[in-house]
C-alpha atoms as a PDB file:
ATOM      1  CA  UNK A   1      30.074  10.000 -22.368  1.00  0.00           C
ATOM      2  CA  UNK A   2      31.541   9.969 -25.854  1.00  0.00           C
ATOM      3  CA  UNK A   3      32.039  13.118 -27.947  1.00  0.00           C
ATOM      4  CA  UNK A   4      29.090  14.455 -29.967  1.00  0.00           C
ATOM      5  CA  UNK A   5      26.632  12.066 -28.320  1.00  0.00           C
ATOM      6  CA  UNK A   6      23.458  12.095 -26.273  1.00  0.00           C
ATOM      7  CA  UNK A   7      23.413   9.686 -23.331  1.00  0.00           C
ATOM      8  CA  UNK A   8      20.764   8.722 -20.763  1.00  0.00           C
ATOM      9  CA  UNK A   9      21.639   6.966 -17.505  1.00  0.00           C
ATOM     10  CA  UNK A  10      19.224   5.288 -15.087  1.00  0.00           C
ATOM     11  CA  UNK A  11      19.656   4.679 -11.381  1.00  0.00           C
ATOM     12  CA  UNK A  12      17.266   2.604  -9.233  1.00  0.00           C
ATOM     13  CA  UNK A  13      17.143   2.837  -5.439  1.00  0.00           C
ATOM     14  CA  UNK A  14      14.988   0.375  -3.474  1.00  0.00           C
ATOM     15  CA  UNK A  15      13.473   1.885  -0.333  1.00  0.00           C
ATOM     16  CA  UNK A  16      13.935  -0.021   2.919  1.00  0.00           C
ATOM     17  CA  UNK A  17      11.539  -0.296   5.849  1.00  0.00           C
ATOM     18  CA  UNK A  18      12.587   3.113   7.238  1.00  0.00           C
ATOM     19  CA  UNK A  19      10.731   4.750   4.327  1.00  0.00           C
ATOM     20  CA  UNK A  20       7.321   3.141   4.978  1.00  0.00           C
ATOM     21  CA  UNK A  21       4.570   5.759   4.764  1.00  0.00           C
ATOM     22  CA  UNK A  22       6.859   8.751   4.143  1.00  0.00           C
ATOM     23  CA  UNK A  23       5.880  11.477   1.690  1.00  0.00           C
ATOM     24  CA  UNK A  24       8.387  13.072  -0.694  1.00  0.00           C
ATOM     25  CA  UNK A  25       7.471  16.752  -1.145  1.00  0.00           C
ATOM     26  CA  UNK A  26      10.404  18.322  -2.998  1.00  0.00           C
ATOM     27  CA  UNK A  27      13.010  17.449  -5.610  1.00  0.00           C
ATOM     28  CA  UNK A  28      16.147  19.342  -6.607  1.00  0.00           C
ATOM     29  CA  UNK A  29      17.780  17.846  -9.706  1.00  0.00           C
ATOM     30  CA  UNK A  30      21.513  18.460 -10.040  1.00  0.00           C
ATOM     31  CA  UNK A  31      23.733  17.811 -13.025  1.00  0.00           C
ATOM     32  CA  UNK A  32      26.388  19.947 -14.692  1.00  0.00           C
ATOM     33  CA  UNK A  33      26.646  21.784 -17.999  1.00  0.00           C
ATOM     34  CA  UNK A  34      25.987  18.717 -20.187  1.00  0.00           C
ATOM     35  CA  UNK A  35      22.719  17.800 -18.416  1.00  0.00           C
ATOM     36  CA  UNK A  36      19.540  18.427 -20.431  1.00  0.00           C
ATOM     37  CA  UNK A  37      16.743  16.445 -18.755  1.00  0.00           C
ATOM     38  CA  UNK A  38      15.939  14.620 -15.504  1.00  0.00           C
ATOM     39  CA  UNK A  39      13.035  12.470 -14.433  1.00  0.00           C
ATOM     40  CA  UNK A  40      12.097  10.657 -11.233  1.00  0.00           C
ATOM     41  CA  UNK A  41       9.647   7.754 -10.995  1.00  0.00           C
ATOM     42  CA  UNK A  42       8.261   5.669  -8.157  1.00  0.00           C
ATOM     43  CA  UNK A  43       7.978   1.987  -9.030  1.00  0.00           C
ATOM     44  CA  UNK A  44       5.495   0.509  -6.511  1.00  0.00           C
ATOM     45  CA  UNK A  45       6.881  -2.631  -4.877  1.00  0.00           C
ATOM     46  CA  UNK A  46       9.820  -2.484  -7.263  1.00  0.00           C
ATOM     47  CA  UNK A  47       7.925  -4.110 -10.131  1.00  0.00           C
ATOM     48  CA  UNK A  48       4.663  -2.186 -10.550  1.00  0.00           C
ATOM     49  CA  UNK A  49       3.824   0.324 -13.249  1.00  0.00           C
ATOM     50  CA  UNK A  50       6.150   3.343 -12.849  1.00  0.00           C
ATOM     51  CA  UNK A  51       4.509   6.548 -11.617  1.00  0.00           C
ATOM     52  CA  UNK A  52       6.047   9.800 -12.858  1.00  0.00           C
ATOM     53  CA  UNK A  53       7.057  12.008  -9.921  1.00  0.00           C
ATOM     54  CA  UNK A  54       9.190  14.575 -11.785  1.00  0.00           C
ATOM     55  CA  UNK A  55       9.922  15.158 -15.479  1.00  0.00           C
ATOM     56  CA  UNK A  56      11.875  18.350 -16.186  1.00  0.00           C
ATOM     57  CA  UNK A  57      14.173  19.968 -18.692  1.00  0.00           C
ATOM     58  CA  UNK A  58      17.425  20.731 -16.875  1.00  0.00           C
ATOM     59  CA  UNK A  59      19.351  24.005 -17.135  1.00  0.00           C
ATOM     60  CA  UNK A  60      22.650  24.272 -15.229  1.00  0.00           C
ATOM     61  CA  UNK A  61      22.350  28.074 -15.137  1.00  0.00           C
ATOM     62  CA  UNK A  62      18.835  27.931 -13.635  1.00  0.00           C
ATOM     63  CA  UNK A  63      18.654  25.067 -11.137  1.00  0.00           C
ATOM     64  CA  UNK A  64      15.282  24.873  -9.418  1.00  0.00           C
ATOM     65  CA  UNK A  65      13.726  22.982  -6.522  1.00  0.00           C
ATOM     66  CA  UNK A  66      10.362  21.539  -7.576  1.00  0.00           C
ATOM     67  CA  UNK A  67       7.367  20.626  -5.444  1.00  0.00           C
ATOM     68  CA  UNK A  68       6.450  16.951  -5.788  1.00  0.00           C
ATOM     69  CA  UNK A  69       4.076  14.610  -4.010  1.00  0.00           C
ATOM     70  CA  UNK A  70       4.863  10.930  -3.673  1.00  0.00           C
ATOM     71  CA  UNK A  71       3.780   8.710  -0.786  1.00  0.00           C
ATOM     72  CA  UNK A  72       6.294   5.863  -0.636  1.00  0.00           C
ATOM     73  CA  UNK A  73       6.389   2.420   0.894  1.00  0.00           C
ATOM     74  CA  UNK A  74       9.016  -0.131   1.829  1.00  0.00           C
ATOM     75  CA  UNK A  75      10.080  -2.026  -1.298  1.00  0.00           C
ATOM     76  CA  UNK A  76       9.252   0.798  -3.713  1.00  0.00           C
ATOM     77  CA  UNK A  77      11.981   1.703  -6.179  1.00  0.00           C
ATOM     78  CA  UNK A  78      12.810   5.329  -6.881  1.00  0.00           C
ATOM     79  CA  UNK A  79      14.168   5.588 -10.438  1.00  0.00           C
ATOM     80  CA  UNK A  80      16.165   8.614 -11.614  1.00  0.00           C
ATOM     81  CA  UNK A  81      17.027   9.186 -15.260  1.00  0.00           C
ATOM     82  CA  UNK A  82      19.460  11.829 -16.461  1.00  0.00           C
ATOM     83  CA  UNK A  83      20.026  12.793 -20.077  1.00  0.00           C
ATOM     84  CA  UNK A  84      23.160  14.544 -21.280  1.00  0.00           C
ATOM     85  CA  UNK A  85      24.292  16.038 -24.568  1.00  0.00           C
ATOM     86  CA  UNK A  86      28.005  16.245 -25.248  1.00  0.00           C
ATOM     87  CA  UNK A  87      28.537  18.485 -28.268  1.00  0.00           C
ATOM     88  CA  UNK A  88      32.302  18.665 -27.645  1.00  0.00           C
ATOM     89  CA  UNK A  89      35.209  16.680 -29.029  1.00  0.00           C
ATOM     90  CA  UNK A  90      36.310  14.910 -25.821  1.00  0.00           C
ATOM     91  CA  UNK A  91      34.897  12.254 -23.513  1.00  0.00           C
ATOM     92  CA  UNK A  92      33.126  13.441 -20.363  1.00  0.00           C
ATOM     93  CA  UNK A  93      33.282  11.326 -17.207  1.00  0.00           C
ATOM     94  CA  UNK A  94      31.582  11.250 -13.820  1.00  0.00           C
ATOM     95  CA  UNK A  95      32.957  13.627 -11.215  1.00  0.00           C
ATOM     96  CA  UNK A  96      32.475  16.686  -9.048  1.00  0.00           C
ATOM     97  CA  UNK A  97      34.137  19.262 -11.323  1.00  0.00           C
ATOM     98  CA  UNK A  98      31.871  21.369 -13.548  1.00  0.00           C
ATOM     99  CA  UNK A  99      33.537  19.834 -16.632  1.00  0.00           C
ATOM    100  CA  UNK A 100      32.540  16.373 -15.373  1.00  0.00           C
ATOM    101  CA  UNK A 101      28.976  15.101 -15.011  1.00  0.00           C
ATOM    102  CA  UNK A 102      26.790  13.705 -12.277  1.00  0.00           C
ATOM    103  CA  UNK A 103      23.173  12.671 -11.734  1.00  0.00           C
ATOM    104  CA  UNK A 104      21.915  13.698  -8.305  1.00  0.00           C
ATOM    105  CA  UNK A 105      18.313  14.330  -7.311  1.00  0.00           C
ATOM    106  CA  UNK A 106      18.052  15.698  -3.796  1.00  0.00           C
ATOM    107  CA  UNK A 107      14.623  14.710  -2.473  1.00  0.00           C
ATOM    108  CA  UNK A 108      12.907  16.215   0.587  1.00  0.00           C
ATOM    109  CA  UNK A 109      10.592  14.132   2.734  1.00  0.00           C
END
């Protein structure tokens, strides 16, 4: 992520047959100090109209687990989007350190 920039990344995950009929009931977004927003969508069959599952402002100092409700099927795509704001003067890369960034959404089913 370049200095003094806002960046959004998207990650799609296609559900295999093991997910048929499961229900997602919780989501715990996780980013670091540059994260500002996270959303999660279910795309039915991988090409249907996206259904919003989670859409939250993110605060590193106040990370919360949210109740959600999404019945999923084989072939659905779960789409996460993370938005970051880098107000500093240096690039920020992906990594596990707090000064790095990541886009994880831990989902309970």
